[in-house]
Amino acid sequence: MKSSILLLLLFGAIDTLTNQPDTGFLSDEYESCCGTQPVEFSYEQKRIYVPNVFTPNKDGVNDYFYPVVNDVVTDVWGFAVYSAEGDTMLYQKPYFNSKMPVQEYGWDGLRPDGSRYKGAFRYKMRVDDVRAKKDIVEGRACAIICGSEAEIFRTKSGCYFPAQGGKEGILDKSVPNGETDCF
C-alpha cells in the first residue's frame, strides 16, 4: 500500500515538473530560425547578403526583408517569398535594382490578403551581374512578430538582420541588429 502511494506521489511530481513552462520555449513557427541557412552568397565577384530574420513591426528598424548586393550585381529578377512548405506565394517582385528604395522592393511581412505572416519562409531570386551572368539565390528566413515569444531572439545565435547588411553585399557582424523595441 505504501509503495502504491509513493508511486502515485512520484508520478504526480514528475507530471508537475514536465508541465512547467519552459523559459527557452521556441514556438513551432520559429523552430528553424537563425543559423540554419547561409546568409552570404558569392558567385565570382558577385556578393549577396540575405538576412535570415526580420521584424516587420513598422518601427523603422528591420521592417523589410530584402537582399543586399554589391555593385557587381545589376538587377534582381523574380524575388519571391513562399510559405515554409513552399506551397503558397506570400510576395513577389518581378524586378528591382539596388538603386530603388527598399520600400519599393522589400517584403513587409504581409500575406497577399493583408494579414501578418509569422515564422519561417522560403525565398528565391535571380541575380544578374555586369557581365550578364545569371545566378539563382534561394534559402530560408523568418518573420519575427515582436512580443513575448520573440524574447528568445535576444540571445539566440546565428540571427542576422537586414540592418547588418554591408554595402558590399556581405554580413557586417560589427553592426548591431538595431532591435531595441522588439525584444
Protein backbone atom coordinates (compact mmCIF):
# COMPACT_ATOMS: atom_id res chain seq x y z
CA MET A 1 0.00 0.00 0.00
CA LYS A 2 2.77 2.40 0.97
CA SER A 3 4.64 1.64 -2.26
CA SER A 4 1.50 2.41 -4.30
CA ILE A 5 1.08 5.79 -2.60
CA LEU A 6 4.77 6.51 -3.07
CA LEU A 7 4.50 5.68 -6.78
CA LEU A 8 1.44 7.94 -7.15
CA LEU A 9 3.28 10.80 -5.45
CA LEU A 10 6.37 10.23 -7.61
CA PHE A 11 4.34 10.22 -10.86
CA GLY A 12 2.48 13.32 -9.71
CA ALA A 13 5.79 15.11 -9.06
CA ILE A 14 7.16 14.07 -12.46
CA ASP A 15 4.00 15.27 -14.20
CA THR A 16 4.20 18.60 -12.37
CA LEU A 17 7.86 19.05 -13.35
CA THR A 18 7.27 18.18 -17.00
CA ASN A 19 4.33 20.58 -17.25
CA GLN A 20 6.31 23.60 -16.07
CA PRO A 21 6.69 26.37 -18.65
CA ASP A 22 9.99 26.34 -20.50
CA THR A 23 11.55 29.79 -20.40
CA GLY A 24 13.55 28.96 -23.51
CA PHE A 25 10.42 27.97 -25.42
CA LEU A 26 10.67 28.38 -29.16
CA SER A 27 7.33 28.16 -30.97
CA ASP A 28 6.93 25.85 -33.96
CA GLU A 29 6.88 28.83 -36.34
CA TYR A 30 10.33 29.90 -35.11
CA GLU A 31 11.89 26.45 -34.71
CA SER A 32 14.24 26.62 -37.72
CA CYS A 33 15.02 30.34 -37.48
CA CYS A 34 18.61 31.55 -37.31
CA GLY A 35 21.78 29.73 -38.11
CA THR A 36 20.31 27.04 -40.35
CA GLN A 37 20.78 28.69 -43.74
CA PRO A 38 23.56 30.71 -45.35
CA VAL A 39 23.14 34.47 -45.38
CA GLU A 40 26.02 35.28 -47.71
CA PHE A 41 26.18 34.15 -51.33
CA SER A 42 29.07 34.69 -53.68
CA TYR A 43 29.50 33.92 -57.36
CA GLU A 44 32.88 35.06 -58.69
CA GLN A 45 32.83 38.80 -57.81
CA LYS A 46 29.10 38.95 -57.13
CA ARG A 47 28.14 39.22 -53.40
CA ILE A 48 24.65 38.94 -51.97
CA TYR A 49 23.69 39.15 -48.30
CA VAL A 50 20.20 37.95 -47.37
CA PRO A 51 19.20 38.27 -43.69
CA ASN A 52 17.72 35.22 -42.02
CA VAL A 53 15.32 37.19 -39.79
CA PHE A 54 13.39 40.44 -39.90
CA THR A 55 10.84 42.16 -37.66
CA PRO A 56 8.03 43.78 -39.69
CA ASN A 57 6.58 45.85 -36.84
CA LYS A 58 6.77 49.26 -38.56
CA ASP A 59 9.23 50.75 -36.08
CA GLY A 60 11.63 51.73 -38.85
CA VAL A 61 14.18 49.01 -37.99
CA ASN A 62 14.42 45.71 -39.92
CA ASP A 63 10.86 46.16 -41.20
CA TYR A 64 11.55 44.82 -44.71
CA PHE A 65 13.04 41.56 -45.95
CA TYR A 66 15.37 42.11 -48.91
CA PRO A 67 18.78 41.15 -50.31
CA VAL A 68 21.77 43.49 -50.04
CA VAL A 69 24.03 43.29 -53.09
CA ASN A 70 27.40 44.67 -54.13
CA ASP A 71 27.91 46.92 -57.14
CA VAL A 72 28.70 43.96 -59.43
CA VAL A 73 25.02 42.95 -59.23
CA THR A 74 22.96 44.98 -61.68
CA ASP A 75 19.47 43.51 -61.33
CA VAL A 76 17.35 41.14 -59.27
CA TRP A 77 14.59 39.25 -61.06
CA GLY A 78 11.69 37.22 -59.69
CA PHE A 79 12.26 37.98 -55.99
CA ALA A 80 9.69 35.66 -54.41
CA VAL A 81 8.79 34.70 -50.86
CA TYR A 82 6.92 31.46 -50.16
CA SER A 83 5.49 29.79 -47.07
CA ALA A 84 7.85 27.43 -45.22
CA GLU A 85 6.32 24.50 -47.10
CA GLY A 86 6.77 26.32 -50.40
CA ASP A 87 3.13 25.85 -51.32
CA THR A 88 1.92 29.45 -51.01
CA MET A 89 3.42 32.55 -52.55
CA LEU A 90 3.47 35.33 -49.99
CA TYR A 91 5.18 38.05 -52.02
CA GLN A 92 6.67 38.60 -55.44
CA LYS A 93 8.56 41.47 -57.01
CA PRO A 94 9.26 40.77 -60.69
CA TYR A 95 12.24 43.15 -60.93
CA PHE A 96 14.32 45.62 -58.94
CA ASN A 97 17.81 47.03 -58.64
CA SER A 98 19.69 48.30 -55.60
CA LYS A 99 19.19 51.93 -56.60
CA MET A 100 15.46 51.67 -55.78
CA PRO A 101 14.22 52.46 -52.23
CA VAL A 102 13.84 49.35 -50.07
CA GLN A 103 10.16 50.17 -49.52
CA GLU A 104 9.60 49.58 -53.25
CA TYR A 105 11.05 46.08 -53.36
CA GLY A 106 11.39 44.69 -49.82
CA TRP A 107 8.74 42.37 -48.38
CA ASP A 108 6.89 43.95 -45.44
CA GLY A 109 5.78 40.64 -43.89
CA LEU A 110 2.19 40.78 -45.09
CA ARG A 111 0.39 37.98 -46.89
CA PRO A 112 -1.48 38.86 -50.09
CA ASP A 113 -4.71 39.12 -48.03
CA GLY A 114 -3.09 41.76 -45.77
CA SER A 115 -2.65 39.56 -42.70
CA ARG A 116 0.71 39.39 -40.92
CA TYR A 117 2.94 36.36 -41.62
CA LYS A 118 4.85 34.76 -38.73
CA GLY A 119 7.70 32.28 -38.75
CA ALA A 120 9.82 30.51 -41.31
CA PHE A 121 9.56 31.13 -45.04
CA ARG A 122 11.49 30.43 -48.24
CA TYR A 123 12.83 32.91 -50.77
CA LYS A 124 14.21 32.71 -54.27
CA MET A 125 15.54 35.22 -56.81
CA ARG A 126 17.76 35.53 -59.86
CA VAL A 127 20.66 37.97 -59.67
CA ASP A 128 22.36 39.36 -62.79
CA ASP A 129 25.78 40.94 -62.88
CA VAL A 130 27.63 43.45 -65.05
CA ARG A 131 28.74 40.65 -67.40
CA ALA A 132 25.11 39.46 -67.81
CA LYS A 133 25.85 36.29 -65.81
CA LYS A 134 22.78 35.00 -64.01
CA ASP A 135 22.68 33.09 -60.71
CA ILE A 136 19.84 31.79 -58.56
CA VAL A 137 19.85 32.62 -54.84
CA GLU A 138 17.48 30.78 -52.57
CA GLY A 139 17.16 29.97 -48.91
CA ARG A 140 15.10 30.25 -45.74
CA ALA A 141 14.48 33.04 -43.27
CA CYS A 142 11.94 34.07 -40.61
CA ALA A 143 9.48 36.85 -39.96
CA ILE A 144 9.52 37.61 -36.23
CA ILE A 145 6.45 39.09 -34.62
CA CYS A 146 7.59 41.28 -31.73
CA GLY A 147 6.30 40.29 -28.30
CA SER A 148 6.94 37.78 -25.55
CA GLU A 149 7.55 34.87 -27.98
CA ALA A 150 10.26 36.92 -29.68
CA GLU A 151 12.32 37.21 -26.48
CA ILE A 152 14.25 34.07 -27.48
CA PHE A 153 15.83 36.08 -30.31
CA ARG A 154 17.53 38.46 -27.87
CA THR A 155 20.20 35.82 -27.20
CA LYS A 156 19.69 33.26 -29.98
CA SER A 157 22.87 32.89 -32.01
CA GLY A 158 23.04 32.91 -35.79
CA CYS A 159 20.32 35.56 -36.24
CA TYR A 160 21.24 38.21 -38.81
CA PHE A 161 19.00 41.16 -39.60
CA PRO A 162 18.61 43.49 -42.61
CA ALA A 163 20.38 46.28 -40.67
CA GLN A 164 23.55 44.15 -40.68
CA GLY A 165 23.90 44.13 -44.45
CA GLY A 166 27.18 45.71 -45.53
CA LYS A 167 27.41 47.83 -48.65
CA GLU A 168 29.47 45.19 -50.41
CA GLY A 169 26.73 42.57 -50.18
CA ILE A 170 28.19 40.91 -47.10
CA LEU A 171 27.17 40.44 -43.48
CA ASP A 172 28.69 43.05 -41.17
CA LYS A 173 28.64 41.42 -37.72
CA SER A 174 30.09 44.58 -36.16
CA VAL A 175 26.80 46.39 -36.82
CA PRO A 176 24.22 45.82 -34.07
CA ASN A 177 20.86 44.46 -35.22
CA GLY A 178 19.15 47.65 -34.02
CA GLU A 179 16.28 45.84 -32.29
CA THR A 180 15.55 47.76 -29.10
CA ASP A 181 11.74 47.82 -29.21
CA CYS A 182 11.01 44.26 -30.34
CA PHE A 183 12.59 42.17 -27.56
